[in-house]
Each structure stands twice: as structure tokens, then as C-alpha cells.
Amino acid sequence: MQTAQLVERAFHAMGSEAHLLVLSTQETADDLLDLAREEISRLEQRWSRFLPLSEVSRANASSGRPVAVSPETFELVSVALVARNLTAGRFDPLVLPAVEQAGYDRDFDQIQMRGVDGLGARPRRSARTVTVDPPFDCALDARERTITVPIGRGLDLGGIGKGRAADLVSSSLIEAGADGVCVNLGGDLRVRGRGPEPDGWVIGVEDPFDPDTDLTVLRLDGAASATSSRVKRCWHANGEQQHHLIDPRTGRPADTDLAAVTVIASSATWAEVIAKAALLAGSTGATVVIDEFGAAGLAVDLDGKVMRAGTIWEYEL
């Protein structure tokens, strides 16, 4: 029996670091990695709000008018709107104006070049909130495959887009002949198929206050994980510390007593959705949200306390 080889590749994509691992008995493992990188690039070209010719950017620029999109984009927007309903609005793909108002109006690499570095900081909670109008759905026309972004709103599919891409790319790699794959797009991670010997697919859950330390190590089998954090993508604007996780109820960076939530689910798409909804639910509601979705995970509050939900397969190497 031919021994499977594990090959990997890391590169920048979708505003994050991408890390791909392929386990294959074929001599074409490098070709599989090329295929994966091309697919990630193709999806980024369609979903990035920072690329003016992307389908998302065209839809945002044409607010109030229908825009024809690819099947992948139509499906992603459809899932995102379903997710908003199932999370009681804690996850909302239509908060782009609020994200930009908070200062996240360009690629995060450019924001960091302003000299702001919020990594590892324990953020203070802000009592200030503002009132926003009730959310309105995109109009979806399945027959014409068009989406219409409401006037005054804007699509931001960054997080759920990375999760969806991890799901799609990992599936494509298995279909193309890989024995096992791990696709990690900025922490939105999906594994499929056979894992490397002897431990299988094992991932570390990073301490939000110490990126060099793992809170725990998890063993995944055909599952996905995603982490939502308010301490990673931070910057200062108007004399206040800001972060990218907008609370749709206030239109401002979420005033939550949680620093980060990691969720284990059957897909990276839904792991991402549940993680954000749980983070916005705060320490009193995070585990309830995770349990309601039948997922598993852990939440870390601003004091470093860890709370667990569901069955997490913690693994000692």
C-alpha cells in the first residue's frame, strides 16, 4: 500500500493567512494545492468588499437595483440571510456602513499601517450605543439569480465568506482525489477525509490574550471550527478603541464581556455564524447559543475565564 504524503502551503488570501494541508497518495499533491489556491482566489474576486469589481462590491454600489451574480455568491448571500434570522439578528451581513463608520473602511493590512496594534489588549467596555434602523433583507430572485442590496445598507461577507470558502475548497480537493484535507482561512477551518498519522486532524485553540499559547488542543473528524474575537482586529478611531465585530442592534463595535468564542460545527460556514452570535450574546448567553445550534465550543471572557458548551474532544498530544 502506497504511503500517503502530507504536503502544505501557506499564503495570504481573503485578508488573512491561508494554510492548506493535503494528505494524498498521489504524486499530484502539489497540483491539488494549486487547484485550492486558484479556487480561493476566484472566490475572493467575487466576495471581497475591498475589490471594486467583485460581485459584492457591484451589488453594494448598485443598492436598490438588482445585480446578477454567480451561483456561489447567490447561495452565500441566501445562507447569510437565513443565518441572520436564526440568530435573532446577532449575525447580520448587511452592517457594512456601520463597519466602515467604525474605521474598517479598507483592508486590515492598511489599517495596521496606521500604526495601530490592538493584539493582546484587554479592551475596555464602552457604554455608548447608537440607535440604528431595523434591518431589511436583500431581495433575492432565484430565477434571475440576482440580489438587490437595500438602499442605505451594504453587504459584508468577510467572515462567513472565509468559512464558506473553506467548506467549498475542502470539498473540491476531496473530489479531485485527496485522501484528506485541512483548509484554514484565517481561523475558519474545515477538515475532510483521513488525517495524518498517528493523531489525525488536531488543532490548537489560541489564547486570545497570548497568541503564542493554546488554551486547549482539539481533535476534529470531518468537522469545522471558527473563532470570533474582539481582541484581534482592533484599531483606534475618534479617540476610542474599535473592533470589527459590529452589534447590529447598536451599529457599533459589540459591547460584550467576551474576548473570543471558538465553535466546532459540521461546516465552517455555520461555525463562523454561531461563533459571532455567541460572542454578541455575552457570557450569560454564549453557551446557550452554541447549544441551541447543536454545536460545541468554548468562550473566553475579558478576565480570561473559559466556559465550555457541548462535547469538545480535547486531546493531549
C-alpha atoms as a PDB file:
ATOM      1  CA  MET A   1       0.000   0.000   0.000  1.00  0.00           C
ATOM      2  CA  GLN A   2       1.387   3.384  -1.003  1.00  0.00           C
ATOM      3  CA  THR A   3       2.070   5.741   1.897  1.00  0.00           C
ATOM      4  CA  ALA A   4       0.125   8.986   1.892  1.00  0.00           C
ATOM      5  CA  GLN A   5       2.226  12.132   1.999  1.00  0.00           C
ATOM      6  CA  LEU A   6       1.227  15.327   3.791  1.00  0.00           C
ATOM      7  CA  VAL A   7       2.001  18.499   1.838  1.00  0.00           C
ATOM      8  CA  GLU A   8       1.153  22.033   2.870  1.00  0.00           C
ATOM      9  CA  ARG A   9       1.193  25.594   1.652  1.00  0.00           C
ATOM     10  CA  ALA A  10       0.675  28.972   3.306  1.00  0.00           C
ATOM     11  CA  PHE A  11      -0.124  32.277   1.639  1.00  0.00           C
ATOM     12  CA  HIS A  12      -2.119  35.480   2.123  1.00  0.00           C
ATOM     13  CA  ALA A  13      -5.724  35.423   0.929  1.00  0.00           C
ATOM     14  CA  MET A  14      -9.071  36.956   1.851  1.00  0.00           C
ATOM     15  CA  GLY A  15      -7.372  39.442   4.151  1.00  0.00           C
ATOM     16  CA  SER A  16      -5.947  36.623   6.268  1.00  0.00           C
ATOM     17  CA  GLU A  17      -3.335  33.924   6.316  1.00  0.00           C
ATOM     18  CA  ALA A  18      -4.376  30.793   4.454  1.00  0.00           C
ATOM     19  CA  HIS A  19      -2.912  27.428   5.419  1.00  0.00           C
ATOM     20  CA  LEU A  20      -3.666  24.362   3.311  1.00  0.00           C
ATOM     21  CA  LEU A  21      -2.731  20.771   4.108  1.00  0.00           C
ATOM     22  CA  VAL A  22      -3.359  17.877   1.743  1.00  0.00           C
ATOM     23  CA  LEU A  23      -2.867  14.201   2.509  1.00  0.00           C
ATOM     24  CA  SER A  24      -2.526  12.218  -0.706  1.00  0.00           C
ATOM     25  CA  THR A  25      -1.077   9.001  -2.046  1.00  0.00           C
ATOM     26  CA  GLN A  26      -0.899  10.601  -5.464  1.00  0.00           C
ATOM     27  CA  GLU A  27       2.103  12.347  -6.887  1.00  0.00           C
ATOM     28  CA  THR A  28      -0.182  15.250  -7.770  1.00  0.00           C
ATOM     29  CA  ALA A  29      -0.481  16.690  -4.251  1.00  0.00           C
ATOM     30  CA  ASP A  30       1.177  19.933  -5.350  1.00  0.00           C
ATOM     31  CA  ASP A  31      -1.325  20.168  -8.199  1.00  0.00           C
ATOM     32  CA  LEU A  32      -4.128  19.856  -5.646  1.00  0.00           C
ATOM     33  CA  LEU A  33      -2.676  22.759  -3.679  1.00  0.00           C
ATOM     34  CA  ASP A  34      -2.513  24.809  -6.875  1.00  0.00           C
ATOM     35  CA  LEU A  35      -6.173  23.977  -7.507  1.00  0.00           C
ATOM     36  CA  ALA A  36      -7.114  25.069  -3.992  1.00  0.00           C
ATOM     37  CA  ARG A  37      -5.250  28.364  -4.247  1.00  0.00           C
ATOM     38  CA  GLU A  38      -6.885  29.145  -7.576  1.00  0.00           C
ATOM     39  CA  GLU A  39     -10.350  28.448  -6.161  1.00  0.00           C
ATOM     40  CA  ILE A  40      -9.725  30.627  -3.097  1.00  0.00           C
ATOM     41  CA  SER A  41      -8.570  33.453  -5.361  1.00  0.00           C
ATOM     42  CA  ARG A  42     -11.637  33.050  -7.571  1.00  0.00           C
ATOM     43  CA  LEU A  43     -13.989  33.239  -4.576  1.00  0.00           C
ATOM     44  CA  GLU A  44     -12.157  36.255  -3.175  1.00  0.00           C
ATOM     45  CA  GLN A  45     -12.556  38.012  -6.525  1.00  0.00           C
ATOM     46  CA  ARG A  46     -16.316  37.537  -6.164  1.00  0.00           C
ATOM     47  CA  TRP A  47     -16.834  38.195  -2.442  1.00  0.00           C
ATOM     48  CA  SER A  48     -14.305  40.790  -1.291  1.00  0.00           C
ATOM     49  CA  ARG A  49     -15.769  44.196  -0.456  1.00  0.00           C
ATOM     50  CA  PHE A  50     -12.296  45.680  -0.973  1.00  0.00           C
ATOM     51  CA  LEU A  51     -12.195  44.783  -4.685  1.00  0.00           C
ATOM     52  CA  PRO A  52     -14.276  47.288  -6.674  1.00  0.00           C
ATOM     53  CA  LEU A  53     -15.129  44.775  -9.412  1.00  0.00           C
ATOM     54  CA  SER A  54     -16.226  41.951  -7.099  1.00  0.00           C
ATOM     55  CA  GLU A  55     -19.843  40.859  -7.195  1.00  0.00           C
ATOM     56  CA  VAL A  56     -20.335  42.063  -3.622  1.00  0.00           C
ATOM     57  CA  SER A  57     -18.888  45.492  -4.423  1.00  0.00           C
ATOM     58  CA  ARG A  58     -21.042  45.800  -7.545  1.00  0.00           C
ATOM     59  CA  ALA A  59     -24.142  44.869  -5.560  1.00  0.00           C
ATOM     60  CA  ASN A  60     -23.285  47.416  -2.855  1.00  0.00           C
ATOM     61  CA  ALA A  61     -22.644  50.126  -5.435  1.00  0.00           C
ATOM     62  CA  SER A  62     -25.992  49.352  -7.094  1.00  0.00           C
ATOM     63  CA  SER A  63     -28.066  49.449  -3.898  1.00  0.00           C
ATOM     64  CA  GLY A  64     -31.751  49.449  -4.693  1.00  0.00           C
ATOM     65  CA  ARG A  65     -31.172  47.769  -8.070  1.00  0.00           C
ATOM     66  CA  PRO A  66     -30.800  44.038  -8.855  1.00  0.00           C
ATOM     67  CA  VAL A  67     -27.371  42.696  -9.784  1.00  0.00           C
ATOM     68  CA  ALA A  68     -26.793  39.312 -11.411  1.00  0.00           C
ATOM     69  CA  VAL A  69     -24.290  37.176  -9.527  1.00  0.00           C
ATOM     70  CA  SER A  70     -22.671  33.746  -9.716  1.00  0.00           C
ATOM     71  CA  PRO A  71     -24.313  30.690  -8.123  1.00  0.00           C
ATOM     72  CA  GLU A  72     -21.716  30.717  -5.308  1.00  0.00           C
ATOM     73  CA  THR A  73     -22.459  34.329  -4.412  1.00  0.00           C
ATOM     74  CA  PHE A  74     -26.225  33.894  -4.596  1.00  0.00           C
ATOM     75  CA  GLU A  75     -26.036  30.872  -2.315  1.00  0.00           C
ATOM     76  CA  LEU A  76     -23.711  32.614   0.147  1.00  0.00           C
ATOM     77  CA  VAL A  77     -25.996  35.637   0.461  1.00  0.00           C
ATOM     78  CA  SER A  78     -29.001  33.332   0.855  1.00  0.00           C
ATOM     79  CA  VAL A  79     -27.310  31.422   3.672  1.00  0.00           C
ATOM     80  CA  ALA A  80     -26.190  34.665   5.344  1.00  0.00           C
ATOM     81  CA  LEU A  81     -29.763  35.969   5.434  1.00  0.00           C
ATOM     82  CA  VAL A  82     -31.039  32.674   6.847  1.00  0.00           C
ATOM     83  CA  ALA A  83     -28.302  32.891   9.477  1.00  0.00           C
ATOM     84  CA  ARG A  84     -29.458  36.369  10.479  1.00  0.00           C
ATOM     85  CA  ASN A  85     -32.963  35.073  11.096  1.00  0.00           C
ATOM     86  CA  LEU A  86     -31.784  32.021  13.043  1.00  0.00           C
ATOM     87  CA  THR A  87     -29.515  34.095  15.286  1.00  0.00           C
ATOM     88  CA  ALA A  88     -32.187  36.678  16.122  1.00  0.00           C
ATOM     89  CA  GLY A  89     -30.172  39.263  14.202  1.00  0.00           C
ATOM     90  CA  ARG A  90     -26.899  38.839  16.103  1.00  0.00           C
ATOM     91  CA  PHE A  91     -25.319  37.806  12.816  1.00  0.00           C
ATOM     92  CA  ASP A  92     -26.172  40.294  10.071  1.00  0.00           C
ATOM     93  CA  PRO A  93     -24.429  40.516   6.670  1.00  0.00           C
ATOM     94  CA  LEU A  94     -25.887  43.991   5.979  1.00  0.00           C
ATOM     95  CA  VAL A  95     -23.947  46.085   8.502  1.00  0.00           C
ATOM     96  CA  LEU A  96     -21.236  47.358   6.154  1.00  0.00           C
ATOM     97  CA  PRO A  97     -21.991  51.094   6.716  1.00  0.00           C
ATOM     98  CA  ALA A  98     -21.515  50.595  10.471  1.00  0.00           C
ATOM     99  CA  VAL A  99     -18.286  48.658   9.904  1.00  0.00           C
ATOM    100  CA  GLU A 100     -16.924  51.467   7.746  1.00  0.00           C
ATOM    101  CA  GLN A 101     -18.069  54.128  10.201  1.00  0.00           C
ATOM    102  CA  ALA A 102     -16.105  52.336  12.928  1.00  0.00           C
ATOM    103  CA  GLY A 103     -12.974  52.722  10.778  1.00  0.00           C
ATOM    104  CA  TYR A 104     -12.784  49.372   8.996  1.00  0.00           C
ATOM    105  CA  ASP A 105     -13.040  51.040   5.603  1.00  0.00           C
ATOM    106  CA  ARG A 106     -10.066  49.387   3.931  1.00  0.00           C
ATOM    107  CA  ASP A 107      -8.101  46.137   4.021  1.00  0.00           C
ATOM    108  CA  PHE A 108      -6.908  45.445   7.576  1.00  0.00           C
ATOM    109  CA  ASP A 109      -3.277  45.423   6.460  1.00  0.00           C
ATOM    110  CA  GLN A 110      -3.713  49.086   5.537  1.00  0.00           C
ATOM    111  CA  ILE A 111      -5.376  49.828   8.879  1.00  0.00           C
ATOM    112  CA  GLN A 112      -2.385  48.320  10.690  1.00  0.00           C
ATOM    113  CA  MET A 113      -0.073  50.561   8.666  1.00  0.00           C
ATOM    114  CA  ARG A 114      -1.673  53.484  10.506  1.00  0.00           C
ATOM    115  CA  GLY A 115       0.360  52.350  13.500  1.00  0.00           C
ATOM    116  CA  VAL A 116      -2.480  50.809  15.497  1.00  0.00           C
ATOM    117  CA  ASP A 117      -1.923  47.404  17.040  1.00  0.00           C
ATOM    118  CA  GLY A 118      -4.622  46.033  19.314  1.00  0.00           C
ATOM    119  CA  LEU A 119      -3.303  42.485  19.541  1.00  0.00           C
ATOM    120  CA  GLY A 120      -3.396  41.078  23.026  1.00  0.00           C
ATOM    121  CA  ALA A 121      -5.000  44.156  24.554  1.00  0.00           C
ATOM    122  CA  ARG A 122      -7.778  43.674  27.092  1.00  0.00           C
ATOM    123  CA  PRO A 123     -10.390  46.091  25.732  1.00  0.00           C
ATOM    124  CA  ARG A 124     -12.452  48.298  27.964  1.00  0.00           C
ATOM    125  CA  ARG A 125     -16.203  48.096  27.654  1.00  0.00           C
ATOM    126  CA  SER A 126     -17.965  51.122  26.252  1.00  0.00           C
ATOM    127  CA  ALA A 127     -21.378  52.221  27.477  1.00  0.00           C
ATOM    128  CA  ARG A 128     -22.033  54.337  24.403  1.00  0.00           C
ATOM    129  CA  THR A 129     -24.519  52.982  21.878  1.00  0.00           C
ATOM    130  CA  VAL A 130     -26.416  54.441  18.976  1.00  0.00           C
ATOM    131  CA  THR A 131     -29.773  53.506  17.559  1.00  0.00           C
ATOM    132  CA  VAL A 132     -29.949  52.009  14.063  1.00  0.00           C
ATOM    133  CA  ASP A 133     -32.898  51.365  11.807  1.00  0.00           C
ATOM    134  CA  PRO A 134     -34.393  47.878  11.693  1.00  0.00           C
ATOM    135  CA  PRO A 135     -32.626  45.586   9.213  1.00  0.00           C
ATOM    136  CA  PHE A 136     -34.014  44.982   5.750  1.00  0.00           C
ATOM    137  CA  ASP A 137     -33.403  41.892   3.675  1.00  0.00           C
ATOM    138  CA  CYS A 138     -31.678  41.792   0.344  1.00  0.00           C
ATOM    139  CA  ALA A 139     -34.188  40.995  -2.353  1.00  0.00           C
ATOM    140  CA  LEU A 140     -33.274  37.651  -3.899  1.00  0.00           C
ATOM    141  CA  ASP A 141     -34.521  36.484  -7.278  1.00  0.00           C
ATOM    142  CA  ALA A 142     -33.618  32.829  -7.692  1.00  0.00           C
ATOM    143  CA  ARG A 143     -34.920  32.626 -11.260  1.00  0.00           C
ATOM    144  CA  GLU A 144     -32.798  35.544 -12.488  1.00  0.00           C
ATOM    145  CA  ARG A 145     -30.125  34.866  -9.861  1.00  0.00           C
ATOM    146  CA  THR A 146     -29.963  38.483  -8.773  1.00  0.00           C
ATOM    147  CA  ILE A 147     -29.548  40.206  -5.426  1.00  0.00           C
ATOM    148  CA  THR A 148     -30.719  43.689  -4.535  1.00  0.00           C
ATOM    149  CA  VAL A 149     -28.980  45.367  -1.605  1.00  0.00           C
ATOM    150  CA  PRO A 150     -31.332  47.721   0.290  1.00  0.00           C
ATOM    151  CA  ILE A 151     -30.597  51.435  -0.031  1.00  0.00           C
ATOM    152  CA  GLY A 152     -28.507  52.597   2.905  1.00  0.00           C
ATOM    153  CA  ARG A 153     -27.183  49.099   3.600  1.00  0.00           C
ATOM    154  CA  GLY A 154     -24.179  47.145   2.375  1.00  0.00           C
ATOM    155  CA  LEU A 155     -23.050  43.540   2.283  1.00  0.00           C
ATOM    156  CA  ASP A 156     -20.006  42.487   4.287  1.00  0.00           C
ATOM    157  CA  LEU A 157     -19.397  38.760   3.766  1.00  0.00           C
ATOM    158  CA  GLY A 158     -15.844  38.666   5.114  1.00  0.00           C
ATOM    159  CA  GLY A 159     -16.202  36.173   7.965  1.00  0.00           C
ATOM    160  CA  ILE A 160     -18.892  33.919   6.542  1.00  0.00           C
ATOM    161  CA  GLY A 161     -17.129  34.111   3.176  1.00  0.00           C
ATOM    162  CA  LYS A 162     -13.957  32.605   4.613  1.00  0.00           C
ATOM    163  CA  GLY A 163     -15.968  29.857   6.265  1.00  0.00           C
ATOM    164  CA  ARG A 164     -17.873  29.112   3.074  1.00  0.00           C
ATOM    165  CA  ALA A 165     -14.651  29.090   1.065  1.00  0.00           C
ATOM    166  CA  ALA A 166     -13.096  26.586   3.481  1.00  0.00           C
ATOM    167  CA  ASP A 167     -16.129  24.313   3.010  1.00  0.00           C
ATOM    168  CA  LEU A 168     -16.129  24.595  -0.790  1.00  0.00           C
ATOM    169  CA  VAL A 169     -12.366  24.256  -1.301  1.00  0.00           C
ATOM    170  CA  SER A 170     -12.043  21.274   1.029  1.00  0.00           C
ATOM    171  CA  SER A 171     -14.856  19.543  -0.863  1.00  0.00           C
ATOM    172  CA  SER A 172     -13.192  20.275  -4.209  1.00  0.00           C
ATOM    173  CA  LEU A 173      -9.904  18.781  -3.013  1.00  0.00           C
ATOM    174  CA  ILE A 174     -11.539  15.535  -1.905  1.00  0.00           C
ATOM    175  CA  GLU A 175     -13.408  15.314  -5.213  1.00  0.00           C
ATOM    176  CA  ALA A 176     -10.094  15.860  -7.019  1.00  0.00           C
ATOM    177  CA  GLY A 177      -8.528  12.843  -5.309  1.00  0.00           C
ATOM    178  CA  ALA A 178      -7.073  13.957  -1.974  1.00  0.00           C
ATOM    179  CA  ASP A 179      -7.252  11.389   0.834  1.00  0.00           C
ATOM    180  CA  GLY A 180      -7.605  14.116   3.458  1.00  0.00           C
ATOM    181  CA  VAL A 181      -7.523  17.907   3.612  1.00  0.00           C
ATOM    182  CA  CYS A 182      -7.382  20.755   6.083  1.00  0.00           C
ATOM    183  CA  VAL A 183      -8.270  24.224   4.812  1.00  0.00           C
ATOM    184  CA  ASN A 184      -7.645  27.079   7.237  1.00  0.00           C
ATOM    185  CA  LEU A 185      -8.587  30.586   6.126  1.00  0.00           C
ATOM    186  CA  GLY A 186      -7.728  32.997   8.895  1.00  0.00           C
ATOM    187  CA  GLY A 187      -9.045  30.656  11.586  1.00  0.00           C
ATOM    188  CA  ASP A 188     -12.098  29.410   9.674  1.00  0.00           C
ATOM    189  CA  LEU A 189     -11.062  25.812   9.308  1.00  0.00           C
ATOM    190  CA  ARG A 190     -12.544  22.706   7.687  1.00  0.00           C
ATOM    191  CA  VAL A 191     -11.142  19.181   7.639  1.00  0.00           C
ATOM    192  CA  ARG A 192     -12.323  16.296   5.485  1.00  0.00           C
ATOM    193  CA  GLY A 193     -11.153  12.761   4.909  1.00  0.00           C
ATOM    194  CA  ARG A 194      -8.275  10.927   6.519  1.00  0.00           C
ATOM    195  CA  GLY A 195      -5.969  12.815   8.864  1.00  0.00           C
ATOM    196  CA  PRO A 196      -2.213  12.381   9.212  1.00  0.00           C
ATOM    197  CA  GLU A 197      -0.897   9.533  11.366  1.00  0.00           C
ATOM    198  CA  PRO A 198      -0.933   8.971  14.252  1.00  0.00           C
ATOM    199  CA  ASP A 199      -3.116  11.734  15.686  1.00  0.00           C
ATOM    200  CA  GLY A 200      -5.440  12.703  12.828  1.00  0.00           C
ATOM    201  CA  TRP A 201      -6.506  16.316  12.408  1.00  0.00           C
ATOM    202  CA  VAL A 202      -5.517  18.146  15.587  1.00  0.00           C
ATOM    203  CA  ILE A 203      -5.848  21.912  16.079  1.00  0.00           C
ATOM    204  CA  GLY A 204      -4.915  24.303  18.845  1.00  0.00           C
ATOM    205  CA  VAL A 205      -7.346  26.881  20.240  1.00  0.00           C
ATOM    206  CA  GLU A 206      -5.380  30.085  20.720  1.00  0.00           C
ATOM    207  CA  ASP A 207      -5.471  32.072  23.947  1.00  0.00           C
ATOM    208  CA  PRO A 208      -6.961  35.430  22.810  1.00  0.00           C
ATOM    209  CA  PHE A 209      -4.622  37.300  25.163  1.00  0.00           C
ATOM    210  CA  ASP A 210      -1.483  35.296  24.323  1.00  0.00           C
ATOM    211  CA  PRO A 211      -1.343  34.207  20.660  1.00  0.00           C
ATOM    212  CA  ASP A 212       1.712  32.028  21.376  1.00  0.00           C
ATOM    213  CA  THR A 213      -0.249  29.882  23.851  1.00  0.00           C
ATOM    214  CA  ASP A 214      -3.047  27.376  23.211  1.00  0.00           C
ATOM    215  CA  LEU A 215      -5.938  27.175  25.639  1.00  0.00           C
ATOM    216  CA  THR A 216      -6.541  23.602  24.551  1.00  0.00           C
ATOM    217  CA  VAL A 217      -5.969  21.196  21.676  1.00  0.00           C
ATOM    218  CA  LEU A 218      -8.918  19.681  19.806  1.00  0.00           C
ATOM    219  CA  ARG A 219      -9.245  16.642  17.604  1.00  0.00           C
ATOM    220  CA  LEU A 220     -11.512  17.095  14.589  1.00  0.00           C
ATOM    221  CA  ASP A 221     -13.009  14.392  12.403  1.00  0.00           C
ATOM    222  CA  GLY A 222     -14.800  15.652   9.303  1.00  0.00           C
ATOM    223  CA  ALA A 223     -15.754  18.837  11.151  1.00  0.00           C
ATOM    224  CA  ALA A 224     -15.004  22.547  11.181  1.00  0.00           C
ATOM    225  CA  SER A 225     -14.030  25.257  13.609  1.00  0.00           C
ATOM    226  CA  ALA A 226     -14.180  29.045  13.657  1.00  0.00           C
ATOM    227  CA  THR A 227     -13.155  31.677  16.166  1.00  0.00           C
ATOM    228  CA  SER A 228     -14.766  35.078  16.609  1.00  0.00           C
ATOM    229  CA  SER A 229     -12.648  37.535  18.595  1.00  0.00           C
ATOM    230  CA  ARG A 230     -12.899  41.182  19.574  1.00  0.00           C
ATOM    231  CA  VAL A 231      -9.215  41.482  20.509  1.00  0.00           C
ATOM    232  CA  LYS A 232      -7.531  40.629  17.207  1.00  0.00           C
ATOM    233  CA  ARG A 233      -8.686  43.170  14.649  1.00  0.00           C
ATOM    234  CA  CYS A 234      -8.556  46.335  16.747  1.00  0.00           C
ATOM    235  CA  TRP A 235      -7.690  49.929  15.951  1.00  0.00           C
ATOM    236  CA  HIS A 236      -8.291  53.418  17.304  1.00  0.00           C
ATOM    237  CA  ALA A 237     -10.676  55.916  15.749  1.00  0.00           C
ATOM    238  CA  ASN A 238     -12.045  59.143  17.213  1.00  0.00           C
ATOM    239  CA  GLY A 239     -10.054  58.535  20.384  1.00  0.00           C
ATOM    240  CA  GLU A 240     -11.679  55.153  21.080  1.00  0.00           C
ATOM    241  CA  GLN A 241     -10.602  51.566  20.618  1.00  0.00           C
ATOM    242  CA  GLN A 242     -12.671  49.922  17.903  1.00  0.00           C
ATOM    243  CA  HIS A 243     -13.027  46.373  16.588  1.00  0.00           C
ATOM    244  CA  HIS A 244     -14.632  44.798  13.555  1.00  0.00           C
ATOM    245  CA  LEU A 245     -17.479  42.862  15.189  1.00  0.00           C
ATOM    246  CA  ILE A 246     -20.494  45.125  14.856  1.00  0.00           C
ATOM    247  CA  ASP A 247     -23.554  44.635  17.027  1.00  0.00           C
ATOM    248  CA  PRO A 248     -26.468  45.044  14.573  1.00  0.00           C
ATOM    249  CA  ARG A 249     -28.657  46.293  17.442  1.00  0.00           C
ATOM    250  CA  THR A 250     -26.469  49.357  18.036  1.00  0.00           C
ATOM    251  CA  GLY A 251     -24.470  49.781  14.842  1.00  0.00           C
ATOM    252  CA  ARG A 252     -21.283  49.945  16.917  1.00  0.00           C
ATOM    253  CA  PRO A 253     -18.478  47.524  17.793  1.00  0.00           C
ATOM    254  CA  ALA A 254     -20.052  44.939  20.089  1.00  0.00           C
ATOM    255  CA  ASP A 255     -20.126  45.856  23.767  1.00  0.00           C
ATOM    256  CA  THR A 256     -19.653  42.294  25.010  1.00  0.00           C
ATOM    257  CA  ASP A 257     -17.858  40.906  28.049  1.00  0.00           C
ATOM    258  CA  LEU A 258     -16.390  38.092  25.937  1.00  0.00           C
ATOM    259  CA  ALA A 259     -12.977  38.273  24.297  1.00  0.00           C
ATOM    260  CA  ALA A 260     -13.359  35.301  21.950  1.00  0.00           C
ATOM    261  CA  VAL A 261     -15.551  32.325  21.096  1.00  0.00           C
ATOM    262  CA  THR A 262     -14.437  29.180  19.276  1.00  0.00           C
ATOM    263  CA  VAL A 263     -17.124  26.905  17.812  1.00  0.00           C
ATOM    264  CA  ILE A 264     -16.915  23.358  16.467  1.00  0.00           C
ATOM    265  CA  ALA A 265     -19.648  22.531  13.933  1.00  0.00           C
ATOM    266  CA  SER A 266     -20.327  20.421  10.879  1.00  0.00           C
ATOM    267  CA  SER A 267     -19.355  23.241   8.497  1.00  0.00           C
ATOM    268  CA  ALA A 268     -17.060  26.256   8.691  1.00  0.00           C
ATOM    269  CA  THR A 269     -19.875  28.419   7.335  1.00  0.00           C
ATOM    270  CA  TRP A 270     -22.076  27.739  10.340  1.00  0.00           C
ATOM    271  CA  ALA A 271     -19.202  27.601  12.822  1.00  0.00           C
ATOM    272  CA  GLU A 272     -18.452  31.202  11.828  1.00  0.00           C
ATOM    273  CA  VAL A 273     -22.090  32.287  12.200  1.00  0.00           C
ATOM    274  CA  ILE A 274     -22.542  30.602  15.580  1.00  0.00           C
ATOM    275  CA  ALA A 275     -19.255  31.961  16.929  1.00  0.00           C
ATOM    276  CA  LYS A 276     -20.218  35.548  16.165  1.00  0.00           C
ATOM    277  CA  ALA A 277     -23.740  35.143  17.526  1.00  0.00           C
ATOM    278  CA  ALA A 278     -22.360  33.592  20.713  1.00  0.00           C
ATOM    279  CA  LEU A 279     -19.813  36.379  21.139  1.00  0.00           C
ATOM    280  CA  LEU A 280     -22.531  39.016  20.912  1.00  0.00           C
ATOM    281  CA  ALA A 281     -24.673  37.061  23.380  1.00  0.00           C
ATOM    282  CA  GLY A 282     -22.045  37.649  26.063  1.00  0.00           C
ATOM    283  CA  SER A 283     -21.001  35.411  28.925  1.00  0.00           C
ATOM    284  CA  THR A 284     -24.576  34.761  30.056  1.00  0.00           C
ATOM    285  CA  GLY A 285     -25.801  33.664  26.643  1.00  0.00           C
ATOM    286  CA  ALA A 286     -22.864  32.308  24.638  1.00  0.00           C
ATOM    287  CA  THR A 287     -23.134  28.675  25.697  1.00  0.00           C
ATOM    288  CA  VAL A 288     -26.912  28.820  25.259  1.00  0.00           C
ATOM    289  CA  VAL A 289     -26.483  29.961  21.633  1.00  0.00           C
ATOM    290  CA  ILE A 290     -23.938  27.225  20.931  1.00  0.00           C
ATOM    291  CA  ASP A 291     -26.191  24.567  22.492  1.00  0.00           C
ATOM    292  CA  GLU A 292     -29.242  25.780  20.548  1.00  0.00           C
ATOM    293  CA  PHE A 293     -27.398  25.112  17.290  1.00  0.00           C
ATOM    294  CA  GLY A 294     -26.262  21.664  18.435  1.00  0.00           C
ATOM    295  CA  ALA A 295     -22.644  22.734  18.169  1.00  0.00           C
ATOM    296  CA  ALA A 296     -19.782  22.696  20.657  1.00  0.00           C
ATOM    297  CA  GLY A 297     -17.275  25.277  21.693  1.00  0.00           C
ATOM    298  CA  LEU A 298     -15.698  27.451  24.311  1.00  0.00           C
ATOM    299  CA  ALA A 299     -15.961  31.113  25.227  1.00  0.00           C
ATOM    300  CA  VAL A 300     -13.349  33.262  26.944  1.00  0.00           C
ATOM    301  CA  ASP A 301     -14.403  36.361  28.883  1.00  0.00           C
ATOM    302  CA  LEU A 302     -12.387  39.551  29.355  1.00  0.00           C
ATOM    303  CA  ASP A 303     -10.936  38.190  32.601  1.00  0.00           C
ATOM    304  CA  GLY A 304      -9.695  35.036  30.893  1.00  0.00           C
ATOM    305  CA  LYS A 305     -12.372  32.709  32.296  1.00  0.00           C
ATOM    306  CA  VAL A 306     -13.185  29.806  29.940  1.00  0.00           C
ATOM    307  CA  MET A 307     -16.735  28.458  29.524  1.00  0.00           C
ATOM    308  CA  ARG A 308     -17.497  25.283  27.549  1.00  0.00           C
ATOM    309  CA  ALA A 309     -20.565  24.139  25.624  1.00  0.00           C
ATOM    310  CA  GLY A 310     -21.374  20.799  24.034  1.00  0.00           C
ATOM    311  CA  THR A 311     -18.921  17.927  23.711  1.00  0.00           C
ATOM    312  CA  ILE A 312     -15.416  19.120  22.860  1.00  0.00           C
ATOM    313  CA  TRP A 313     -12.934  16.401  22.039  1.00  0.00           C
ATOM    314  CA  GLU A 314      -9.949  17.839  23.845  1.00  0.00           C
ATOM    315  CA  TYR A 315      -6.778  15.969  23.016  1.00  0.00           C
ATOM    316  CA  GLU A 316      -3.489  15.560  24.824  1.00  0.00           C
ATOM    317  CA  LEU A 317      -0.520  15.151  22.480  1.00  0.00           C
END
